[in-house]
Protein backbone atom coordinates (compact mmCIF):
# COMPACT_ATOMS: atom_id res chain seq x y z
CA UNK A 1 0.00 0.00 0.00
CA UNK A 2 1.35 3.41 -0.91
CA UNK A 3 2.14 5.92 1.82
CA UNK A 4 0.44 8.66 -0.19
CA UNK A 5 -2.88 6.79 -0.04
CA UNK A 6 -2.45 6.05 3.66
CA UNK A 7 -1.85 9.70 4.48
CA UNK A 8 -4.78 10.75 2.28
CA UNK A 9 -7.08 8.52 4.34
CA UNK A 10 -5.58 9.67 7.65
CA UNK A 11 -5.84 13.29 6.58
CA UNK A 12 -9.57 12.86 5.92
CA UNK A 13 -9.99 11.19 9.32
CA UNK A 14 -8.18 14.06 11.03
CA UNK A 15 -10.87 16.44 9.70
CA UNK A 16 -13.69 14.74 11.62
CA UNK A 17 -14.71 17.20 14.37
CA UNK A 18 -14.88 16.21 18.03
CA UNK A 19 -18.30 14.93 18.94
CA UNK A 20 -18.95 13.63 15.42
CA UNK A 21 -18.35 10.34 13.62
CA UNK A 22 -17.90 9.28 10.00
CA UNK A 23 -18.30 5.90 8.37
CA UNK A 24 -15.60 3.95 6.57
CA UNK A 25 -17.55 4.44 3.35
CA UNK A 26 -17.84 8.17 3.94
CA UNK A 27 -14.06 8.46 4.27
CA UNK A 28 -13.62 6.36 1.13
CA UNK A 29 -15.94 8.71 -0.78
CA UNK A 30 -14.09 11.77 0.51
CA UNK A 31 -10.85 10.53 -1.02
CA UNK A 32 -12.49 9.54 -4.29
CA UNK A 33 -12.49 5.78 -3.70
CA UNK A 34 -16.12 5.15 -2.86
CA UNK A 35 -15.85 1.36 -3.20
CA UNK A 36 -12.90 1.07 -0.81
CA UNK A 37 -14.47 1.23 2.65
CA UNK A 38 -12.58 -1.92 3.67
CA UNK A 39 -9.33 -0.32 2.61
CA UNK A 40 -10.10 2.57 4.94
CA UNK A 41 -10.64 0.10 7.79
CA UNK A 42 -7.35 -1.63 6.99
CA UNK A 43 -5.45 1.66 7.04
CA UNK A 44 -7.07 2.73 10.31
CA UNK A 45 -6.07 -0.56 11.91
CA UNK A 46 -2.43 0.42 11.23
CA UNK A 47 -2.76 4.16 11.95
CA UNK A 48 -0.70 3.93 15.14
CA UNK A 49 2.40 3.51 12.98
CA UNK A 50 1.81 6.83 11.22
CA UNK A 51 1.07 9.17 14.11
CA UNK A 52 -1.91 10.21 16.18
CA UNK A 53 -5.25 10.35 14.39
CA UNK A 54 -8.82 10.31 15.75
CA UNK A 55 -9.60 6.86 14.35
CA UNK A 56 -12.11 6.33 17.16
CA UNK A 57 -14.43 8.68 15.25
CA UNK A 58 -14.90 6.19 12.41
CA UNK A 59 -17.66 3.55 12.59
CA UNK A 60 -19.30 1.19 10.13
CA UNK A 61 -22.33 2.05 7.96
CA UNK A 62 -24.73 1.05 10.74
CA UNK A 63 -22.90 3.08 13.38
CA UNK A 64 -21.32 -0.01 14.97
CA UNK A 65 -18.06 0.43 16.82
CA UNK A 66 -14.98 -1.54 15.86
CA UNK A 67 -15.09 -5.02 17.43
CA UNK A 68 -12.36 -5.76 19.94
CA UNK A 69 -11.64 -2.09 20.69
CA UNK A 70 -13.46 -1.20 23.95
CA UNK A 71 -11.51 2.06 24.26
CA UNK A 72 -13.37 3.42 21.23
CA UNK A 73 -16.60 3.74 23.23
CA UNK A 74 -14.77 5.51 26.05
CA UNK A 75 -13.09 7.97 23.67
CA UNK A 76 -16.38 8.78 21.96
CA UNK A 77 -18.22 9.21 25.27
CA UNK A 78 -15.50 11.60 26.42
CA UNK A 79 -16.32 13.73 23.35
CA UNK A 80 -20.05 13.72 24.12
CA UNK A 81 -21.10 11.00 21.69
CA UNK A 82 -23.76 8.83 23.31
CA UNK A 83 -24.12 5.20 22.29
CA UNK A 84 -27.54 3.71 21.55
CA UNK A 85 -26.88 0.27 22.95
CA UNK A 86 -23.26 0.23 24.00
CA UNK A 87 -22.04 -0.76 20.54
CA UNK A 88 -23.71 1.66 18.11
CA UNK A 89 -23.64 5.41 17.51
CA UNK A 90 -26.83 7.17 16.42
CA UNK A 91 -25.70 8.28 12.96
CA UNK A 92 -28.71 10.57 12.50
CA UNK A 93 -27.55 12.55 15.50
CA UNK A 94 -23.73 12.31 15.39
CA UNK A 95 -22.66 11.71 11.78
CA UNK A 96 -20.33 14.33 10.39
CA UNK A 97 -21.97 16.33 7.63
CA UNK A 98 -19.04 16.87 5.30
PDB file of N, CA and C in Angstrom:
ATOM      1  N   UNK A   1       0.842  -1.176   0.000  1.00  0.00           N
ATOM      2  CA  UNK A   1       0.000   0.000   0.000  1.00  0.00           C
ATOM      3  C   UNK A   1       0.891   1.244   0.000  1.00  0.00           C
ATOM      4  N   UNK A   2       0.530   2.212  -0.787  1.00  0.00           N
ATOM      5  CA  UNK A   2       1.345   3.414  -0.908  1.00  0.00           C
ATOM      6  C   UNK A   2       1.123   4.374   0.254  1.00  0.00           C
ATOM      7  N   UNK A   3       2.230   4.964   0.724  1.00  0.00           N
ATOM      8  CA  UNK A   3       2.144   5.916   1.817  1.00  0.00           C
ATOM      9  C   UNK A   3       1.252   7.104   1.471  1.00  0.00           C
ATOM     10  N   UNK A   4       1.263   7.519   0.225  1.00  0.00           N
ATOM     11  CA  UNK A   4       0.436   8.661  -0.188  1.00  0.00           C
ATOM     12  C   UNK A   4      -1.041   8.383   0.065  1.00  0.00           C
ATOM     13  N   UNK A   5      -1.493   7.178  -0.269  1.00  0.00           N
ATOM     14  CA  UNK A   5      -2.881   6.793  -0.039  1.00  0.00           C
ATOM     15  C   UNK A   5      -3.178   6.719   1.453  1.00  0.00           C
ATOM     16  N   UNK A   6      -2.262   6.164   2.209  1.00  0.00           N
ATOM     17  CA  UNK A   6      -2.447   6.052   3.655  1.00  0.00           C
ATOM     18  C   UNK A   6      -2.616   7.437   4.270  1.00  0.00           C
ATOM     19  N   UNK A   7      -1.757   8.349   3.914  1.00  0.00           N
ATOM     20  CA  UNK A   7      -1.851   9.698   4.483  1.00  0.00           C
ATOM     21  C   UNK A   7      -3.076  10.448   3.970  1.00  0.00           C
ATOM     22  N   UNK A   8      -3.553  10.128   2.794  1.00  0.00           N
ATOM     23  CA  UNK A   8      -4.776  10.745   2.280  1.00  0.00           C
ATOM     24  C   UNK A   8      -5.969  10.317   3.147  1.00  0.00           C
ATOM     25  N   UNK A   9      -6.018   9.042   3.474  1.00  0.00           N
ATOM     26  CA  UNK A   9      -7.078   8.523   4.345  1.00  0.00           C
ATOM     27  C   UNK A   9      -6.968   9.138   5.733  1.00  0.00           C
ATOM     28  N   UNK A  10      -5.770   9.133   6.300  1.00  0.00           N
ATOM     29  CA  UNK A  10      -5.581   9.666   7.650  1.00  0.00           C
ATOM     30  C   UNK A  10      -5.852  11.163   7.710  1.00  0.00           C
ATOM     31  N   UNK A  11      -5.549  11.864   6.642  1.00  0.00           N
ATOM     32  CA  UNK A  11      -5.840  13.293   6.578  1.00  0.00           C
ATOM     33  C   UNK A  11      -7.348  13.535   6.627  1.00  0.00           C
ATOM     34  N   UNK A  12      -8.108  12.734   5.898  1.00  0.00           N
ATOM     35  CA  UNK A  12      -9.566  12.860   5.924  1.00  0.00           C
ATOM     36  C   UNK A  12     -10.106  12.564   7.316  1.00  0.00           C
ATOM     37  N   UNK A  13      -9.569  11.545   7.964  1.00  0.00           N
ATOM     38  CA  UNK A  13      -9.994  11.187   9.320  1.00  0.00           C
ATOM     39  C   UNK A  13      -9.684  12.318  10.294  1.00  0.00           C
ATOM     40  N   UNK A  14      -8.558  12.981  10.107  1.00  0.00           N
ATOM     41  CA  UNK A  14      -8.179  14.063  11.031  1.00  0.00           C
ATOM     42  C   UNK A  14      -9.117  15.261  10.932  1.00  0.00           C
ATOM     43  N   UNK A  15      -9.919  15.341   9.878  1.00  0.00           N
ATOM     44  CA  UNK A  15     -10.868  16.442   9.695  1.00  0.00           C
ATOM     45  C   UNK A  15     -12.184  16.231  10.454  1.00  0.00           C
ATOM     46  N   UNK A  16     -12.436  15.022  10.913  1.00  0.00           N
ATOM     47  CA  UNK A  16     -13.689  14.742  11.621  1.00  0.00           C
ATOM     48  C   UNK A  16     -13.691  15.528  12.930  1.00  0.00           C
ATOM     49  N   UNK A  17     -14.689  16.386  13.141  1.00  0.00           N
ATOM     50  CA  UNK A  17     -14.707  17.200  14.367  1.00  0.00           C
ATOM     51  C   UNK A  17     -14.999  16.368  15.622  1.00  0.00           C
ATOM     52  N   UNK A  18     -14.544  16.861  16.757  1.00  0.00           N
ATOM     53  CA  UNK A  18     -14.879  16.213  18.035  1.00  0.00           C
ATOM     54  C   UNK A  18     -16.393  16.175  18.179  1.00  0.00           C
ATOM     55  N   UNK A  19     -16.866  15.078  18.732  1.00  0.00           N
ATOM     56  CA  UNK A  19     -18.297  14.928  18.941  1.00  0.00           C
ATOM     57  C   UNK A  19     -19.055  14.455  17.711  1.00  0.00           C
ATOM     58  N   UNK A  20     -18.352  14.122  16.655  1.00  0.00           N
ATOM     59  CA  UNK A  20     -18.954  13.625  15.416  1.00  0.00           C
ATOM     60  C   UNK A  20     -18.265  12.334  15.003  1.00  0.00           C
ATOM     61  N   UNK A  21     -18.942  11.558  14.165  1.00  0.00           N
ATOM     62  CA  UNK A  21     -18.352  10.336  13.620  1.00  0.00           C
ATOM     63  C   UNK A  21     -18.559  10.324  12.110  1.00  0.00           C
ATOM     64  N   UNK A  22     -17.757   9.525  11.427  1.00  0.00           N
ATOM     65  CA  UNK A  22     -17.897   9.280   9.999  1.00  0.00           C
ATOM     66  C   UNK A  22     -17.854   7.775   9.805  1.00  0.00           C
ATOM     67  N   UNK A  23     -18.351   7.330   8.680  1.00  0.00           N
ATOM     68  CA  UNK A  23     -18.300   5.899   8.373  1.00  0.00           C
ATOM     69  C   UNK A  23     -17.081   5.621   7.493  1.00  0.00           C
ATOM     70  N   UNK A  24     -16.712   4.359   7.441  1.00  0.00           N
ATOM     71  CA  UNK A  24     -15.600   3.954   6.574  1.00  0.00           C
ATOM     72  C   UNK A  24     -15.908   4.338   5.122  1.00  0.00           C
ATOM     73  N   UNK A  25     -17.151   4.106   4.703  1.00  0.00           N
ATOM     74  CA  UNK A  25     -17.553   4.441   3.346  1.00  0.00           C
ATOM     75  C   UNK A  25     -17.517   5.938   3.081  1.00  0.00           C
ATOM     76  N   UNK A  26     -17.874   6.713   4.079  1.00  0.00           N
ATOM     77  CA  UNK A  26     -17.843   8.166   3.944  1.00  0.00           C
ATOM     78  C   UNK A  26     -16.410   8.649   3.716  1.00  0.00           C
ATOM     79  N   UNK A  27     -15.469   8.095   4.454  1.00  0.00           N
ATOM     80  CA  UNK A  27     -14.057   8.460   4.274  1.00  0.00           C
ATOM     81  C   UNK A  27     -13.593   8.030   2.883  1.00  0.00           C
ATOM     82  N   UNK A  28     -13.998   6.841   2.462  1.00  0.00           N
ATOM     83  CA  UNK A  28     -13.619   6.359   1.125  1.00  0.00           C
ATOM     84  C   UNK A  28     -14.145   7.312   0.048  1.00  0.00           C
ATOM     85  N   UNK A  29     -15.383   7.764   0.194  1.00  0.00           N
ATOM     86  CA  UNK A  29     -15.944   8.713  -0.784  1.00  0.00           C
ATOM     87  C   UNK A  29     -15.189  10.040  -0.769  1.00  0.00           C
ATOM     88  N   UNK A  30     -14.804  10.498   0.405  1.00  0.00           N
ATOM     89  CA  UNK A  30     -14.086  11.769   0.512  1.00  0.00           C
ATOM     90  C   UNK A  30     -12.761  11.765  -0.246  1.00  0.00           C
ATOM     91  N   UNK A  31     -12.135  10.601  -0.320  1.00  0.00           N
ATOM     92  CA  UNK A  31     -10.846  10.534  -1.021  1.00  0.00           C
ATOM     93  C   UNK A  31     -11.000  10.043  -2.459  1.00  0.00           C
ATOM     94  N   UNK A  32     -12.252   9.936  -2.914  1.00  0.00           N
ATOM     95  CA  UNK A  32     -12.491   9.544  -4.295  1.00  0.00           C
ATOM     96  C   UNK A  32     -12.393   8.061  -4.571  1.00  0.00           C
ATOM     97  N   UNK A  33     -12.556   7.244  -3.541  1.00  0.00           N
ATOM     98  CA  UNK A  33     -12.488   5.782  -3.700  1.00  0.00           C
ATOM     99  C   UNK A  33     -13.709   5.163  -3.039  1.00  0.00           C
ATOM    100  N   UNK A  34     -14.883   5.501  -3.538  1.00  0.00           N
ATOM    101  CA  UNK A  34     -16.119   5.146  -2.862  1.00  0.00           C
ATOM    102  C   UNK A  34     -16.341   3.653  -2.639  1.00  0.00           C
ATOM    103  N   UNK A  35     -15.676   2.811  -3.371  1.00  0.00           N
ATOM    104  CA  UNK A  35     -15.847   1.360  -3.203  1.00  0.00           C
ATOM    105  C   UNK A  35     -14.775   0.741  -2.308  1.00  0.00           C
ATOM    106  N   UNK A  36     -14.025   1.574  -1.607  1.00  0.00           N
ATOM    107  CA  UNK A  36     -12.904   1.070  -0.811  1.00  0.00           C
ATOM    108  C   UNK A  36     -13.051   1.286   0.693  1.00  0.00           C
ATOM    109  N   UNK A  37     -14.253   1.079   1.217  1.00  0.00           N
ATOM    110  CA  UNK A  37     -14.474   1.234   2.653  1.00  0.00           C
ATOM    111  C   UNK A  37     -13.595   0.263   3.455  1.00  0.00           C
ATOM    112  N   UNK A  38     -13.416  -0.943   2.962  1.00  0.00           N
ATOM    113  CA  UNK A  38     -12.579  -1.922   3.675  1.00  0.00           C
ATOM    114  C   UNK A  38     -11.120  -1.485   3.698  1.00  0.00           C
ATOM    115  N   UNK A  39     -10.690  -0.854   2.643  1.00  0.00           N
ATOM    116  CA  UNK A  39      -9.327  -0.319   2.605  1.00  0.00           C
ATOM    117  C   UNK A  39      -9.146   0.731   3.701  1.00  0.00           C
ATOM    118  N   UNK A  40     -10.158   1.565   3.875  1.00  0.00           N
ATOM    119  CA  UNK A  40     -10.100   2.572   4.943  1.00  0.00           C
ATOM    120  C   UNK A  40      -9.953   1.876   6.292  1.00  0.00           C
ATOM    121  N   UNK A  41     -10.742   0.849   6.543  1.00  0.00           N
ATOM    122  CA  UNK A  41     -10.639   0.100   7.786  1.00  0.00           C
ATOM    123  C   UNK A  41      -9.263  -0.504   7.981  1.00  0.00           C
ATOM    124  N   UNK A  42      -8.694  -1.043   6.928  1.00  0.00           N
ATOM    125  CA  UNK A  42      -7.348  -1.634   6.993  1.00  0.00           C
ATOM    126  C   UNK A  42      -6.318  -0.578   7.376  1.00  0.00           C
ATOM    127  N   UNK A  43      -6.394   0.581   6.729  1.00  0.00           N
ATOM    128  CA  UNK A  43      -5.448   1.663   7.041  1.00  0.00           C
ATOM    129  C   UNK A  43      -5.616   2.118   8.484  1.00  0.00           C
ATOM    130  N   UNK A  44      -6.854   2.268   8.934  1.00  0.00           N
ATOM    131  CA  UNK A  44      -7.075   2.735  10.306  1.00  0.00           C
ATOM    132  C   UNK A  44      -6.572   1.726  11.335  1.00  0.00           C
ATOM    133  N   UNK A  45      -6.583   0.448  10.982  1.00  0.00           N
ATOM    134  CA  UNK A  45      -6.070  -0.556  11.913  1.00  0.00           C
ATOM    135  C   UNK A  45      -4.556  -0.445  12.092  1.00  0.00           C
ATOM    136  N   UNK A  46      -3.888   0.240  11.153  1.00  0.00           N
ATOM    137  CA  UNK A  46      -2.427   0.420  11.226  1.00  0.00           C
ATOM    138  C   UNK A  46      -2.037   1.873  11.520  1.00  0.00           C
ATOM    139  N   UNK A  47      -3.004   2.716  11.805  1.00  0.00           N
ATOM    140  CA  UNK A  47      -2.760   4.156  11.947  1.00  0.00           C
ATOM    141  C   UNK A  47      -1.741   4.491  13.033  1.00  0.00           C
ATOM    142  N   UNK A  48      -1.638   3.663  14.041  1.00  0.00           N
ATOM    143  CA  UNK A  48      -0.704   3.931  15.141  1.00  0.00           C
ATOM    144  C   UNK A  48       0.738   4.038  14.653  1.00  0.00           C
ATOM    145  N   UNK A  49       1.032   3.466  13.518  1.00  0.00           N
ATOM    146  CA  UNK A  49       2.396   3.509  12.984  1.00  0.00           C
ATOM    147  C   UNK A  49       2.686   4.793  12.204  1.00  0.00           C
ATOM    148  N   UNK A  50       1.657   5.616  12.022  1.00  0.00           N
ATOM    149  CA  UNK A  50       1.805   6.831  11.223  1.00  0.00           C
ATOM    150  C   UNK A  50       1.594   8.114  12.019  1.00  0.00           C
ATOM    151  N   UNK A  51       1.292   7.998  13.287  1.00  0.00           N
ATOM    152  CA  UNK A  51       1.069   9.175  14.114  1.00  0.00           C
ATOM    153  C   UNK A  51      -0.232   9.062  14.877  1.00  0.00           C
ATOM    154  N   UNK A  52      -0.680  10.189  15.379  1.00  0.00           N
ATOM    155  CA  UNK A  52      -1.912  10.210  16.181  1.00  0.00           C
ATOM    156  C   UNK A  52      -3.049  10.775  15.343  1.00  0.00           C
ATOM    157  N   UNK A  53      -4.076   9.964  15.159  1.00  0.00           N
ATOM    158  CA  UNK A  53      -5.248  10.350  14.389  1.00  0.00           C
ATOM    159  C   UNK A  53      -6.497   9.926  15.160  1.00  0.00           C
ATOM    160  N   UNK A  54      -7.600  10.653  15.002  1.00  0.00           N
ATOM    161  CA  UNK A  54      -8.821  10.312  15.745  1.00  0.00           C
ATOM    162  C   UNK A  54      -9.604   9.160  15.101  1.00  0.00           C
ATOM    163  N   UNK A  55      -8.978   8.019  15.003  1.00  0.00           N
ATOM    164  CA  UNK A  55      -9.595   6.858  14.355  1.00  0.00           C
ATOM    165  C   UNK A  55     -10.836   6.377  15.100  1.00  0.00           C
ATOM    166  N   UNK A  56     -10.943   6.735  16.381  1.00  0.00           N
ATOM    167  CA  UNK A  56     -12.107   6.327  17.161  1.00  0.00           C
ATOM    168  C   UNK A  56     -13.390   6.974  16.641  1.00  0.00           C
ATOM    169  N   UNK A  57     -13.271   7.983  15.802  1.00  0.00           N
ATOM    170  CA  UNK A  57     -14.433   8.681  15.252  1.00  0.00           C
ATOM    171  C   UNK A  57     -14.969   8.031  13.976  1.00  0.00           C
ATOM    172  N   UNK A  58     -14.452   6.875  13.623  1.00  0.00           N
ATOM    173  CA  UNK A  58     -14.905   6.187  12.414  1.00  0.00           C
ATOM    174  C   UNK A  58     -15.614   4.893  12.823  1.00  0.00           C
ATOM    175  N   UNK A  59     -16.821   4.714  12.280  1.00  0.00           N
ATOM    176  CA  UNK A  59     -17.662   3.554  12.592  1.00  0.00           C
ATOM    177  C   UNK A  59     -18.150   2.930  11.280  1.00  0.00           C
ATOM    178  N   UNK A  60     -18.816   1.799  11.366  1.00  0.00           N
ATOM    179  CA  UNK A  60     -19.303   1.190  10.132  1.00  0.00           C
ATOM    180  C   UNK A  60     -20.602   1.860   9.679  1.00  0.00           C
ATOM    181  N   UNK A  61     -21.153   1.409   8.561  1.00  0.00           N
ATOM    182  CA  UNK A  61     -22.326   2.046   7.956  1.00  0.00           C
ATOM    183  C   UNK A  61     -23.565   2.035   8.843  1.00  0.00           C
ATOM    184  N   UNK A  62     -23.604   1.136   9.817  1.00  0.00           N
ATOM    185  CA  UNK A  62     -24.730   1.054  10.742  1.00  0.00           C
ATOM    186  C   UNK A  62     -24.441   1.772  12.060  1.00  0.00           C
ATOM    187  N   UNK A  63     -23.272   2.387  12.154  1.00  0.00           N
ATOM    188  CA  UNK A  63     -22.897   3.078  13.385  1.00  0.00           C
ATOM    189  C   UNK A  63     -22.228   2.188  14.419  1.00  0.00           C
ATOM    190  N   UNK A  64     -21.932   0.937  14.031  1.00  0.00           N
ATOM    191  CA  UNK A  64     -21.319  -0.010  14.969  1.00  0.00           C
ATOM    192  C   UNK A  64     -19.855   0.321  15.196  1.00  0.00           C
ATOM    193  N   UNK A  65     -19.457   0.212  16.446  1.00  0.00           N
ATOM    194  CA  UNK A  65     -18.060   0.432  16.819  1.00  0.00           C
ATOM    195  C   UNK A  65     -17.204  -0.731  16.337  1.00  0.00           C
ATOM    196  N   UNK A  66     -15.909  -0.502  16.292  1.00  0.00           N
ATOM    197  CA  UNK A  66     -14.978  -1.545  15.864  1.00  0.00           C
ATOM    198  C   UNK A  66     -14.952  -2.666  16.906  1.00  0.00           C
ATOM    199  N   UNK A  67     -15.135  -3.907  16.476  1.00  0.00           N
ATOM    200  CA  UNK A  67     -15.088  -5.021  17.429  1.00  0.00           C
ATOM    201  C   UNK A  67     -13.691  -5.175  18.014  1.00  0.00           C
ATOM    202  N   UNK A  68     -13.641  -5.517  19.289  1.00  0.00           N
ATOM    203  CA  UNK A  68     -12.356  -5.756  19.941  1.00  0.00           C
ATOM    204  C   UNK A  68     -11.608  -4.494  20.331  1.00  0.00           C
ATOM    205  N   UNK A  69     -12.286  -3.352  20.315  1.00  0.00           N
ATOM    206  CA  UNK A  69     -11.635  -2.088  20.693  1.00  0.00           C
ATOM    207  C   UNK A  69     -12.529  -1.349  21.691  1.00  0.00           C
ATOM    208  N   UNK A  70     -12.574  -1.809  22.946  1.00  0.00           N
ATOM    209  CA  UNK A  70     -13.462  -1.205  23.948  1.00  0.00           C
ATOM    210  C   UNK A  70     -13.131   0.258  24.243  1.00  0.00           C
ATOM    211  N   UNK A  71     -11.903   0.661  24.010  1.00  0.00           N
ATOM    212  CA  UNK A  71     -11.513   2.058  24.263  1.00  0.00           C
ATOM    213  C   UNK A  71     -12.241   3.029  23.333  1.00  0.00           C
ATOM    214  N   UNK A  72     -12.682   2.546  22.180  1.00  0.00           N
ATOM    215  CA  UNK A  72     -13.373   3.419  21.231  1.00  0.00           C
ATOM    216  C   UNK A  72     -14.615   4.035  21.869  1.00  0.00           C
ATOM    217  N   UNK A  73     -15.390   3.226  22.566  1.00  0.00           N
ATOM    218  CA  UNK A  73     -16.596   3.738  23.225  1.00  0.00           C
ATOM    219  C   UNK A  73     -16.239   4.792  24.269  1.00  0.00           C
ATOM    220  N   UNK A  74     -15.186   4.552  25.027  1.00  0.00           N
ATOM    221  CA  UNK A  74     -14.772   5.513  26.052  1.00  0.00           C
ATOM    222  C   UNK A  74     -14.322   6.834  25.431  1.00  0.00           C
ATOM    223  N   UNK A  75     -13.565   6.756  24.343  1.00  0.00           N
ATOM    224  CA  UNK A  75     -13.095   7.968  23.672  1.00  0.00           C
ATOM    225  C   UNK A  75     -14.262   8.764  23.093  1.00  0.00           C
ATOM    226  N   UNK A  76     -15.230   8.083  22.511  1.00  0.00           N
ATOM    227  CA  UNK A  76     -16.385   8.779  21.961  1.00  0.00           C
ATOM    228  C   UNK A  76     -17.235   9.401  23.064  1.00  0.00           C
ATOM    229  N   UNK A  77     -17.454   8.670  24.142  1.00  0.00           N
ATOM    230  CA  UNK A  77     -18.224   9.210  25.269  1.00  0.00           C
ATOM    231  C   UNK A  77     -17.558  10.444  25.841  1.00  0.00           C
ATOM    232  N   UNK A  78     -16.233  10.446  25.908  1.00  0.00           N
ATOM    233  CA  UNK A  78     -15.497  11.599  26.422  1.00  0.00           C
ATOM    234  C   UNK A  78     -15.704  12.837  25.539  1.00  0.00           C
ATOM    235  N   UNK A  79     -16.063  12.620  24.282  1.00  0.00           N
ATOM    236  CA  UNK A  79     -16.319  13.725  23.353  1.00  0.00           C
ATOM    237  C   UNK A  79     -17.805  14.076  23.271  1.00  0.00           C
ATOM    238  N   UNK A  80     -18.627  13.417  24.101  1.00  0.00           N
ATOM    239  CA  UNK A  80     -20.050  13.723  24.123  1.00  0.00           C
ATOM    240  C   UNK A  80     -20.905  12.905  23.177  1.00  0.00           C
ATOM    241  N   UNK A  81     -20.347  11.859  22.596  1.00  0.00           N
ATOM    242  CA  UNK A  81     -21.104  11.001  21.689  1.00  0.00           C
ATOM    243  C   UNK A  81     -21.727   9.870  22.504  1.00  0.00           C
ATOM    244  N   UNK A  82     -23.047   9.875  22.567  1.00  0.00           N
ATOM    245  CA  UNK A  82     -23.757   8.828  23.308  1.00  0.00           C
ATOM    246  C   UNK A  82     -23.945   7.606  22.419  1.00  0.00           C
ATOM    247  N   UNK A  83     -23.905   6.445  23.029  1.00  0.00           N
ATOM    248  CA  UNK A  83     -24.122   5.202  22.291  1.00  0.00           C
ATOM    249  C   UNK A  83     -25.557   4.734  22.507  1.00  0.00           C
ATOM    250  N   UNK A  84     -26.148   4.174  21.456  1.00  0.00           N
ATOM    251  CA  UNK A  84     -27.537   3.706  21.545  1.00  0.00           C
ATOM    252  C   UNK A  84     -27.667   2.469  22.409  1.00  0.00           C
ATOM    253  N   UNK A  85     -26.757   1.535  22.244  1.00  0.00           N
ATOM    254  CA  UNK A  85     -26.878   0.267  22.950  1.00  0.00           C
ATOM    255  C   UNK A  85     -25.522  -0.255  23.440  1.00  0.00           C
ATOM    256  N   UNK A  86     -24.587   0.622  23.574  1.00  0.00           N
ATOM    257  CA  UNK A  86     -23.257   0.225  24.004  1.00  0.00           C
ATOM    258  C   UNK A  86     -22.330  -0.150  22.871  1.00  0.00           C
ATOM    259  N   UNK A  87     -22.875  -0.355  21.669  1.00  0.00           N
ATOM    260  CA  UNK A  87     -22.040  -0.764  20.539  1.00  0.00           C
ATOM    261  C   UNK A  87     -22.335   0.018  19.256  1.00  0.00           C
ATOM    262  N   UNK A  88     -23.325   0.913  19.306  1.00  0.00           N
ATOM    263  CA  UNK A  88     -23.712   1.660  18.112  1.00  0.00           C
ATOM    264  C   UNK A  88     -23.869   3.148  18.407  1.00  0.00           C
ATOM    265  N   UNK A  89     -23.450   3.963  17.449  1.00  0.00           N
ATOM    266  CA  UNK A  89     -23.638   5.411  17.506  1.00  0.00           C
ATOM    267  C   UNK A  89     -24.890   5.738  16.703  1.00  0.00           C
ATOM    268  N   UNK A  90     -25.663   6.692  17.159  1.00  0.00           N
ATOM    269  CA  UNK A  90     -26.829   7.167  16.421  1.00  0.00           C
ATOM    270  C   UNK A  90     -26.329   8.072  15.294  1.00  0.00           C
ATOM    271  N   UNK A  91     -26.250   7.529  14.081  1.00  0.00           N
ATOM    272  CA  UNK A  91     -25.698   8.278  12.959  1.00  0.00           C
ATOM    273  C   UNK A  91     -26.557   9.488  12.602  1.00  0.00           C
ATOM    274  N   UNK A  92     -27.858   9.415  12.801  1.00  0.00           N
ATOM    275  CA  UNK A  92     -28.709  10.568  12.501  1.00  0.00           C
ATOM    276  C   UNK A  92     -28.344  11.762  13.383  1.00  0.00           C
ATOM    277  N   UNK A  93     -27.875  11.480  14.551  1.00  0.00           N
ATOM    278  CA  UNK A  93     -27.547  12.546  15.500  1.00  0.00           C
ATOM    279  C   UNK A  93     -26.067  12.979  15.435  1.00  0.00           C
ATOM    280  N   UNK A  94     -25.151  12.027  15.239  1.00  0.00           N
ATOM    281  CA  UNK A  94     -23.726  12.313  15.390  1.00  0.00           C
ATOM    282  C   UNK A  94     -22.886  12.241  14.113  1.00  0.00           C
ATOM    283  N   UNK A  95     -23.484  11.838  12.983  1.00  0.00           N
ATOM    284  CA  UNK A  95     -22.657  11.706  11.778  1.00  0.00           C
ATOM    285  C   UNK A  95     -22.209  13.068  11.270  1.00  0.00           C
ATOM    286  N   UNK A  96     -20.947  13.130  10.934  1.00  0.00           N
ATOM    287  CA  UNK A  96     -20.329  14.331  10.393  1.00  0.00           C
ATOM    288  C   UNK A  96     -20.955  14.651   9.049  1.00  0.00           C
ATOM    289  N   UNK A  97     -21.382  15.877   8.887  1.00  0.00           N
ATOM    290  CA  UNK A  97     -21.970  16.327   7.630  1.00  0.00           C
ATOM    291  C   UNK A  97     -20.894  17.050   6.842  1.00  0.00           C
ATOM    292  N   UNK A  98     -20.161  16.282   6.046  1.00  0.00           N
ATOM    293  CA  UNK A  98     -19.044  16.874   5.302  1.00  0.00           C
ATOM    294  C   UNK A  98     -19.363  17.066   3.843  1.00  0.00           C
TER     295      UNK A  98
END
